[in-house]
C-alpha atoms as a PDB file:
ATOM      1  CA  MET A   1      57.457 105.995 148.499  1.00  0.00           C
ATOM      2  CA  SER A   2      58.204 109.479 149.860  1.00  0.00           C
ATOM      3  CA  SER A   3      56.142 110.887 152.723  1.00  0.00           C
ATOM      4  CA  LEU A   4      54.750 113.566 150.391  1.00  0.00           C
ATOM      5  CA  SER A   5      53.612 111.104 147.739  1.00  0.00           C
ATOM      6  CA  SER A   6      52.244 108.815 150.443  1.00  0.00           C
ATOM      7  CA  LEU A   7      50.135 111.634 151.881  1.00  0.00           C
ATOM      8  CA  ALA A   8      48.923 112.523 148.402  1.00  0.00           C
ATOM      9  CA  ARG A   9      47.855 108.929 147.821  1.00  0.00           C
ATOM     10  CA  VAL A  10      45.957 108.856 151.113  1.00  0.00           C
ATOM     11  CA  ALA A  11      44.191 112.121 150.335  1.00  0.00           C
ATOM     12  CA  LEU A  12      43.323 110.923 146.845  1.00  0.00           C
ATOM     13  CA  SER A  13      41.976 107.615 148.111  1.00  0.00           C
ATOM     14  CA  LEU A  14      39.744 109.295 150.686  1.00  0.00           C
ATOM     15  CA  GLY A  15      38.372 111.798 148.225  1.00  0.00           C
ATOM     16  CA  LEU A  16      37.608 109.688 145.167  1.00  0.00           C
ATOM     17  CA  PRO A  17      34.145 108.184 144.610  1.00  0.00           C
ATOM     18  CA  SER A  18      33.730 104.416 144.911  1.00  0.00           C
ATOM     19  CA  GLY A  19      33.224 103.992 141.181  1.00  0.00           C
ATOM     20  CA  VAL A  20      36.709 105.327 140.526  1.00  0.00           C
ATOM     21  CA  LEU A  21      38.287 103.411 143.413  1.00  0.00           C
ATOM     22  CA  ASP A  22      36.867 100.166 142.039  1.00  0.00           C
ATOM     23  CA  ARG A  23      39.088 100.657 139.003  1.00  0.00           C
ATOM     24  CA  GLY A  24      42.216 100.833 141.167  1.00  0.00           C
ATOM     25  CA  PRO A  25      42.160  98.108 143.847  1.00  0.00           C
ATOM     26  CA  SER A  26      45.384  99.197 145.533  1.00  0.00           C
ATOM     27  CA  LEU A  27      44.013 102.733 145.885  1.00  0.00           C
ATOM     28  CA  ARG A  28      40.889 101.310 147.451  1.00  0.00           C
ATOM     29  CA  GLY A  29      43.198  99.416 149.799  1.00  0.00           C
ATOM     30  CA  THR A  30      44.833 102.702 150.760  1.00  0.00           C
ATOM     31  CA  LYS A  31      41.396 104.119 151.563  1.00  0.00           C
ATOM     32  CA  PHE A  32      40.585 101.097 153.727  1.00  0.00           C
ATOM     33  CA  LEU A  33      43.833 101.437 155.659  1.00  0.00           C
ATOM     34  CA  ALA A  34      43.599 105.208 155.965  1.00  0.00           C
ATOM     35  CA  ARG A  35      40.122 104.894 157.427  1.00  0.00           C
ATOM     36  CA  ALA A  36      41.420 102.307 159.882  1.00  0.00           C
ATOM     37  CA  ALA A  37      44.146 104.757 160.925  1.00  0.00           C
ATOM     38  CA  LEU A  38      41.607 107.563 161.450  1.00  0.00           C
ATOM     39  CA  LYS A  39      39.283 105.285 163.401  1.00  0.00           C
ATOM     40  CA  ALA A  40      42.120 104.100 165.638  1.00  0.00           C
ATOM     41  CA  ARG A  41      43.122 107.671 166.417  1.00  0.00           C
ATOM     42  CA  PHE A  42      39.731 109.327 166.753  1.00  0.00           C
ATOM     43  CA  GLY A  43      37.153 106.571 166.975  1.00  0.00           C
ATOM     44  CA  GLY A  44      37.317 105.614 170.625  1.00  0.00           C
ATOM     45  CA  THR A  45      38.473 102.424 172.308  1.00  0.00           C
ATOM     46  CA  GLY A  46      37.200  99.712 169.976  1.00  0.00           C
ATOM     47  CA  ARG A  47      39.101  96.516 169.285  1.00  0.00           C
ATOM     48  CA  PRO A  48      42.578  97.026 167.804  1.00  0.00           C
ATOM     49  CA  PHE A  49      43.224  96.687 164.098  1.00  0.00           C
ATOM     50  CA  GLN A  50      44.447  93.122 163.428  1.00  0.00           C
ATOM     51  CA  MET A  51      46.527  92.097 160.417  1.00  0.00           C
ATOM     52  CA  VAL A  52      47.630  88.614 159.409  1.00  0.00           C
ATOM     53  CA  ASN A  53      50.424  88.487 156.850  1.00  0.00           C
ATOM     54  CA  VAL A  54      51.613  85.102 155.592  1.00  0.00           C
ATOM     55  CA  GLY A  55      54.889  85.463 153.745  1.00  0.00           C
ATOM     56  CA  ALA A  56      55.710  88.760 155.404  1.00  0.00           C
ATOM     57  CA  CYS A  57      59.344  88.926 154.201  1.00  0.00           C
ATOM     58  CA  ASP A  58      60.753  91.948 156.082  1.00  0.00           C
ATOM     59  CA  GLY A  59      57.464  93.842 156.171  1.00  0.00           C
ATOM     60  CA  ALA A  60      58.892  96.730 154.179  1.00  0.00           C
ATOM     61  CA  LEU A  61      60.372  95.847 150.790  1.00  0.00           C
ATOM     62  CA  PHE A  62      57.873  95.935 147.924  1.00  0.00           C
ATOM     63  CA  ASP A  63      55.023  96.086 150.456  1.00  0.00           C
ATOM     64  CA  ASP A  64      52.456  98.873 150.399  1.00  0.00           C
ATOM     65  CA  VAL A  65      50.245  97.410 153.139  1.00  0.00           C
ATOM     66  CA  THR A  66      52.231  96.074 156.119  1.00  0.00           C
ATOM     67  CA  PRO A  67      53.963  99.427 156.882  1.00  0.00           C
ATOM     68  CA  TRP A  68      50.513 100.803 157.754  1.00  0.00           C
ATOM     69  CA  LEU A  69      50.951  98.971 161.056  1.00  0.00           C
ATOM     70  CA  HIS A  70      53.107 101.931 162.071  1.00  0.00           C
ATOM     71  CA  ARG A  71      50.352 104.410 161.172  1.00  0.00           C
ATOM     72  CA  ILE A  72      47.359 102.654 162.720  1.00  0.00           C
ATOM     73  CA  ALA A  73      47.537 103.343 166.444  1.00  0.00           C
ATOM     74  CA  GLY A  74      47.579 100.176 168.533  1.00  0.00           C
ATOM     75  CA  ALA A  75      47.558  97.909 165.476  1.00  0.00           C
ATOM     76  CA  ARG A  76      48.480  94.277 165.983  1.00  0.00           C
ATOM     77  CA  ALA A  77      49.755  91.658 163.558  1.00  0.00           C
ATOM     78  CA  MET A  78      50.718  88.039 163.157  1.00  0.00           C
ATOM     79  CA  LEU A  79      53.589  88.055 160.674  1.00  0.00           C
ATOM     80  CA  VAL A  80      54.435  84.621 159.284  1.00  0.00           C
ATOM     81  CA  GLU A  81      57.932  84.300 157.806  1.00  0.00           C
ATOM     82  CA  PRO A  82      59.941  81.041 157.570  1.00  0.00           C
ATOM     83  CA  ILE A  83      63.283  82.432 156.370  1.00  0.00           C
ATOM     84  CA  PRO A  84      65.700  83.235 159.254  1.00  0.00           C
ATOM     85  CA  TYR A  85      67.351  86.081 157.352  1.00  0.00           C
ATOM     86  CA  ASN A  86      63.998  87.786 156.816  1.00  0.00           C
ATOM     87  CA  GLN A  87      62.866  87.120 160.387  1.00  0.00           C
ATOM     88  CA  LYS A  88      65.733  89.286 161.663  1.00  0.00           C
ATOM     89  CA  ARG A  89      64.881  92.088 159.250  1.00  0.00           C
ATOM     90  CA  LEU A  90      61.200  91.770 160.116  1.00  0.00           C
ATOM     91  CA  ARG A  91      61.803  92.067 163.856  1.00  0.00           C
ATOM     92  CA  ALA A  92      64.053  95.075 163.309  1.00  0.00           C
ATOM     93  CA  ASN A  93      61.235  96.751 161.370  1.00  0.00           C
ATOM     94  CA  TYR A  94      58.546  95.735 163.890  1.00  0.00           C
ATOM     95  CA  PRO A  95      60.304  95.655 167.275  1.00  0.00           C
ATOM     96  CA  ASP A  96      57.227  95.821 169.515  1.00  0.00           C
ATOM     97  CA  THR A  97      56.876  92.177 170.567  1.00  0.00           C
ATOM     98  CA  SER A  98      53.671  92.903 172.479  1.00  0.00           C
ATOM     99  CA  ARG A  99      51.837  93.859 169.280  1.00  0.00           C
ATOM    100  CA  PHE A 100      53.734  92.192 166.449  1.00  0.00           C
ATOM    101  CA  ILE A 101      54.041  88.413 166.627  1.00  0.00           C
ATOM    102  CA  ILE A 102      56.479  86.733 164.268  1.00  0.00           C
ATOM    103  CA  GLU A 103      55.725  83.100 163.506  1.00  0.00           C
ATOM    104  CA  PRO A 104      58.947  81.522 162.121  1.00  0.00           C
ATOM    105  CA  VAL A 105      57.178  78.807 160.133  1.00  0.00           C
ATOM    106  CA  ALA A 106      55.757  77.962 156.744  1.00  0.00           C
ATOM    107  CA  VAL A 107      52.013  77.442 156.373  1.00  0.00           C
ATOM    108  CA  THR A 108      51.180  73.997 155.016  1.00  0.00           C
ATOM    109  CA  LYS A 109      48.229  71.633 155.073  1.00  0.00           C
ATOM    110  CA  ALA A 110      49.653  69.660 158.007  1.00  0.00           C
ATOM    111  CA  LYS A 111      52.109  70.225 160.853  1.00  0.00           C
ATOM    112  CA  GLY A 112      55.671  69.069 160.174  1.00  0.00           C
ATOM    113  CA  THR A 113      58.750  70.322 158.359  1.00  0.00           C
ATOM    114  CA  ILE A 114      59.156  71.374 154.759  1.00  0.00           C
ATOM    115  CA  THR A 115      61.938  72.281 152.364  1.00  0.00           C
ATOM    116  CA  VAL A 116      62.056  75.926 151.327  1.00  0.00           C
ATOM    117  CA  HIS A 117      63.991  77.118 148.294  1.00  0.00           C
ATOM    118  CA  THR A 118      65.821  80.316 149.133  1.00  0.00           C
ATOM    119  CA  PHE A 119      69.082  82.200 148.556  1.00  0.00           C
ATOM    120  CA  ASP A 120      72.326  82.516 150.464  1.00  0.00           C
ATOM    121  CA  ALA A 121      71.915  85.267 153.052  1.00  0.00           C
ATOM    122  CA  ALA A 122      75.503  86.483 152.640  1.00  0.00           C
ATOM    123  CA  ALA A 123      74.980  86.977 148.897  1.00  0.00           C
ATOM    124  CA  LEU A 124      71.817  88.954 149.567  1.00  0.00           C
ATOM    125  CA  GLU A 125      73.509  91.106 152.185  1.00  0.00           C
ATOM    126  CA  ALA A 126      76.495  91.779 149.944  1.00  0.00           C
ATOM    127  CA  GLY A 127      74.312  92.850 147.026  1.00  0.00           C
ATOM    128  CA  THR A 128      75.541  89.977 144.867  1.00  0.00           C
ATOM    129  CA  LEU A 129      71.919  89.157 144.106  1.00  0.00           C
ATOM    130  CA  PRO A 130      69.153  91.561 143.082  1.00  0.00           C
ATOM    131  CA  ILE A 131      67.287  92.999 146.056  1.00  0.00           C
ATOM    132  CA  GLU A 132      64.068  91.421 144.753  1.00  0.00           C
ATOM    133  CA  PHE A 133      65.451  87.997 145.640  1.00  0.00           C
ATOM    134  CA  ILE A 134      65.038  88.759 149.341  1.00  0.00           C
ATOM    135  CA  GLY A 135      61.351  88.031 148.859  1.00  0.00           C
ATOM    136  CA  CYS A 136      61.585  85.105 146.462  1.00  0.00           C
ATOM    137  CA  SER A 137      61.834  82.112 148.799  1.00  0.00           C
ATOM    138  CA  SER A 138      59.209  79.430 148.197  1.00  0.00           C
ATOM    139  CA  VAL A 139      58.070  75.954 149.162  1.00  0.00           C
ATOM    140  CA  THR A 140      56.914  75.354 145.590  1.00  0.00           C
ATOM    141  CA  ASP A 141      58.597  75.038 142.215  1.00  0.00           C
ATOM    142  CA  THR A 142      56.418  77.606 140.492  1.00  0.00           C
ATOM    143  CA  ASN A 143      58.703  80.599 140.880  1.00  0.00           C
ATOM    144  CA  LEU A 144      62.197  81.540 139.758  1.00  0.00           C
ATOM    145  CA  MET A 145      63.741  78.306 141.041  1.00  0.00           C
ATOM    146  CA  SER A 146      61.907  76.345 138.316  1.00  0.00           C
ATOM    147  CA  GLY A 147      62.375  78.784 135.456  1.00  0.00           C
ATOM    148  CA  LYS A 148      58.677  79.617 135.275  1.00  0.00           C
ATOM    149  CA  ASN A 149      59.014  83.348 135.530  1.00  0.00           C
ATOM    150  CA  ALA A 150      61.222  86.226 134.505  1.00  0.00           C
ATOM    151  CA  TRP A 151      64.175  85.183 136.655  1.00  0.00           C
ATOM    152  CA  GLY A 152      64.149  81.487 135.809  1.00  0.00           C
ATOM    153  CA  GLU A 153      66.323  79.284 133.661  1.00  0.00           C
ATOM    154  CA  ALA A 154      65.113  81.010 130.508  1.00  0.00           C
ATOM    155  CA  ASP A 155      66.796  84.168 131.770  1.00  0.00           C
ATOM    156  CA  ALA A 156      70.348  84.603 130.516  1.00  0.00           C
ATOM    157  CA  ASN A 157      71.401  85.664 134.023  1.00  0.00           C
ATOM    158  CA  PHE A 158      70.038  82.563 135.759  1.00  0.00           C
ATOM    159  CA  ASN A 159      73.440  80.819 135.842  1.00  0.00           C
ATOM    160  CA  LYS A 160      74.813  83.769 137.814  1.00  0.00           C
ATOM    161  CA  PHE A 161      72.123  83.296 140.443  1.00  0.00           C
ATOM    162  CA  ALA A 162      71.932  79.503 140.585  1.00  0.00           C
ATOM    163  CA  PRO A 163      75.112  79.011 142.697  1.00  0.00           C
ATOM    164  CA  HIS A 164      73.462  81.010 145.474  1.00  0.00           C
ATOM    165  CA  LEU A 165      70.299  78.879 145.669  1.00  0.00           C
ATOM    166  CA  ARG A 166      69.858  77.070 148.965  1.00  0.00           C
ATOM    167  CA  ASP A 167      67.366  74.531 150.292  1.00  0.00           C
ATOM    168  CA  ILE A 168      66.618  74.786 154.009  1.00  0.00           C
ATOM    169  CA  GLU A 169      64.311  72.830 156.292  1.00  0.00           C
ATOM    170  CA  VAL A 170      61.772  74.855 158.282  1.00  0.00           C
ATOM    171  CA  PRO A 171      58.933  73.927 160.633  1.00  0.00           C
ATOM    172  CA  SER A 172      55.420  74.127 159.238  1.00  0.00           C
ATOM    173  CA  GLU A 173      51.962  74.548 160.711  1.00  0.00           C
ATOM    174  CA  THR A 174      48.420  74.900 159.460  1.00  0.00           C
ATOM    175  CA  LEU A 175      46.981  78.397 159.293  1.00  0.00           C
ATOM    176  CA  GLN A 176      44.274  77.662 161.834  1.00  0.00           C
ATOM    177  CA  THR A 177      46.860  76.367 164.334  1.00  0.00           C
ATOM    178  CA  LEU A 178      48.691  79.691 164.132  1.00  0.00           C
ATOM    179  CA  LEU A 179      45.514  81.729 164.505  1.00  0.00           C
ATOM    180  CA  ASP A 180      44.399  79.691 167.507  1.00  0.00           C
ATOM    181  CA  ARG A 181      47.847  79.711 169.120  1.00  0.00           C
ATOM    182  CA  ASN A 182      47.912  83.495 169.036  1.00  0.00           C
ATOM    183  CA  GLY A 183      44.323  83.987 170.137  1.00  0.00           C
ATOM    184  CA  ILE A 184      43.273  85.754 166.940  1.00  0.00           C
ATOM    185  CA  SER A 185      39.501  86.084 166.949  1.00  0.00           C
ATOM    186  CA  HIS A 186      39.124  88.736 164.256  1.00  0.00           C
ATOM    187  CA  ILE A 187      41.109  89.788 161.181  1.00  0.00           C
ATOM    188  CA  ASP A 188      40.842  93.205 159.552  1.00  0.00           C
ATOM    189  CA  ALA A 189      43.445  92.698 156.810  1.00  0.00           C
ATOM    190  CA  PHE A 190      44.716  89.364 155.504  1.00  0.00           C
ATOM    191  CA  LEU A 191      47.748  89.216 153.203  1.00  0.00           C
ATOM    192  CA  VAL A 192      49.327  86.280 151.389  1.00  0.00           C
ATOM    193  CA  ASP A 193      52.601  86.505 149.463  1.00  0.00           C
ATOM    194  CA  CYS A 194      54.091  83.015 149.312  1.00  0.00           C
ATOM    195  CA  GLU A 195      55.622  82.779 145.838  1.00  0.00           C
ATOM    196  CA  GLY A 196      53.488  79.953 144.511  1.00  0.00           C
ATOM    197  CA  ALA A 197      52.050  78.559 147.752  1.00  0.00           C
ATOM    198  CA  ASP A 198      49.459  81.314 148.024  1.00  0.00           C
ATOM    199  CA  TRP A 199      46.428  79.119 147.330  1.00  0.00           C
ATOM    200  CA  ILE A 200      47.679  76.501 149.788  1.00  0.00           C
ATOM    201  CA  VAL A 201      47.495  79.227 152.439  1.00  0.00           C
ATOM    202  CA  PHE A 202      44.375  81.077 151.351  1.00  0.00           C
ATOM    203  CA  GLU A 203      42.379  77.874 150.950  1.00  0.00           C
ATOM    204  CA  GLN A 204      42.693  77.390 154.722  1.00  0.00           C
ATOM    205  CA  LEU A 205      41.254  80.759 155.731  1.00  0.00           C
ATOM    206  CA  ASP A 206      37.724  80.464 157.114  1.00  0.00           C
ATOM    207  CA  LEU A 207      36.102  83.517 155.548  1.00  0.00           C
ATOM    208  CA  LYS A 208      32.789  82.957 157.302  1.00  0.00           C
ATOM    209  CA  ARG A 209      34.488  82.946 160.705  1.00  0.00           C
ATOM    210  CA  TYR A 210      36.947  85.820 160.277  1.00  0.00           C
ATOM    211  CA  ARG A 211      35.523  87.927 157.436  1.00  0.00           C
ATOM    212  CA  PRO A 212      38.545  90.245 156.876  1.00  0.00           C
ATOM    213  CA  GLY A 213      37.583  93.664 155.573  1.00  0.00           C
ATOM    214  CA  MET A 214      40.490  93.583 153.128  1.00  0.00           C
ATOM    215  CA  ILE A 215      42.322  90.664 151.526  1.00  0.00           C
ATOM    216  CA  LYS A 216      45.360  90.757 149.267  1.00  0.00           C
ATOM    217  CA  VAL A 217      46.644  87.582 147.598  1.00  0.00           C
ATOM    218  CA  GLU A 218      49.629  87.480 145.273  1.00  0.00           C
ATOM    219  CA  VAL A 219      48.743  85.275 142.314  1.00  0.00           C
ATOM    220  CA  GLY A 220      51.624  85.927 139.929  1.00  0.00           C
ATOM    221  CA  ALA A 221      53.239  82.553 140.629  1.00  0.00           C
ATOM    222  CA  LEU A 222      50.007  80.539 140.753  1.00  0.00           C
ATOM    223  CA  LEU A 223      48.684  78.175 138.138  1.00  0.00           C
ATOM    224  CA  ALA A 224      45.623  79.404 136.247  1.00  0.00           C
ATOM    225  CA  ALA A 225      43.358  76.901 138.003  1.00  0.00           C
ATOM    226  CA  GLU A 226      44.520  78.123 141.417  1.00  0.00           C
ATOM    227  CA  ILE A 227      43.919  81.756 140.487  1.00  0.00           C
ATOM    228  CA  GLY A 228      40.392  80.723 139.557  1.00  0.00           C
ATOM    229  CA  GLN A 229      39.963  79.024 142.921  1.00  0.00           C
ATOM    230  CA  VAL A 230      41.038  82.190 144.739  1.00  0.00           C
ATOM    231  CA  VAL A 231      38.497  84.254 142.796  1.00  0.00           C
ATOM    232  CA  VAL A 232      35.673  81.742 143.236  1.00  0.00           C
ATOM    233  CA  LYS A 233      36.248  81.539 147.000  1.00  0.00           C
ATOM    234  CA  LEU A 234      36.130  85.316 147.293  1.00  0.00           C
ATOM    235  CA  LYS A 235      33.179  85.858 144.990  1.00  0.00           C
ATOM    236  CA  THR A 236      31.035  83.138 146.552  1.00  0.00           C
ATOM    237  CA  SER A 237      31.733  84.725 149.939  1.00  0.00           C
ATOM    238  CA  GLY A 238      30.401  88.065 148.747  1.00  0.00           C
ATOM    239  CA  TYR A 239      33.690  89.940 148.318  1.00  0.00           C
ATOM    240  CA  GLN A 240      34.279  92.646 145.739  1.00  0.00           C
ATOM    241  CA  VAL A 241      37.337  91.533 143.786  1.00  0.00           C
ATOM    242  CA  GLY A 242      39.864  93.464 141.727  1.00  0.00           C
ATOM    243  CA  PHE A 243      43.124  92.608 139.962  1.00  0.00           C
ATOM    244  CA  GLN A 244      46.186  94.821 139.927  1.00  0.00           C
ATOM    245  CA  ALA A 245      49.600  93.729 138.655  1.00  0.00           C
ATOM    246  CA  GLU A 246      50.171  90.269 140.194  1.00  0.00           C
ATOM    247  CA  ASP A 247      47.756  90.695 143.085  1.00  0.00           C
ATOM    248  CA  ILE A 248      44.116  90.077 143.812  1.00  0.00           C
ATOM    249  CA  TRP A 249      42.565  92.612 146.173  1.00  0.00           C
ATOM    250  CA  ALA A 250      39.211  91.898 147.792  1.00  0.00           C
ATOM    251  CA  PHE A 251      36.929  93.905 150.067  1.00  0.00           C
ATOM    252  CA  ALA A 252      34.018  92.736 152.207  1.00  0.00           C
END
């Protein structure tokens, strides 16, 4: 997104009435983030804006939320990313180690190790694979590795991609362990983009304890029952929920 179009989106989000914003969840998200940026710059010395992003990839590609960390003065984040290739890109994009913590693990229900399906880093770097594949690693079989979406075995191009699939072992931790380890006592924005493991992660978030102002969960690779569980958890906790593309956006 160009700087001009980005500014236009911010201005539009701040100026539209709530009834219109409710019809465009991502625009409401822009308003939430823009307000956080204004508060951080002009609102005094309150606590810093805190983001938690599980499945952060490189924090830039196909991500309209994480880059706001550069706009919100003093913002902090715990960025969870298990793929070594993406960890390097993520640190390059967020070099301030005092504010941006990278947890090189997968979030699971118990501490241990887990197999992650991913792609050969050299093939990604060389452009042999579509750029979208940088963010397609998963601990589940509900994404392109199983043929359950547009890039799966039903796709005529799948055989071109299959030779570059790799399984790697990565450490895993529970979400609460990561939050406690990094001393996170409040969360302003919580993001989950885990290519099919999104409910496994989101199920662990204690909404009563942390009460993020904004939540974004990718549900495009989830089973219908899991999408329902995401919605029920949010609704019963009093969140306003909206769907856009493959994401659920929620606001306290």
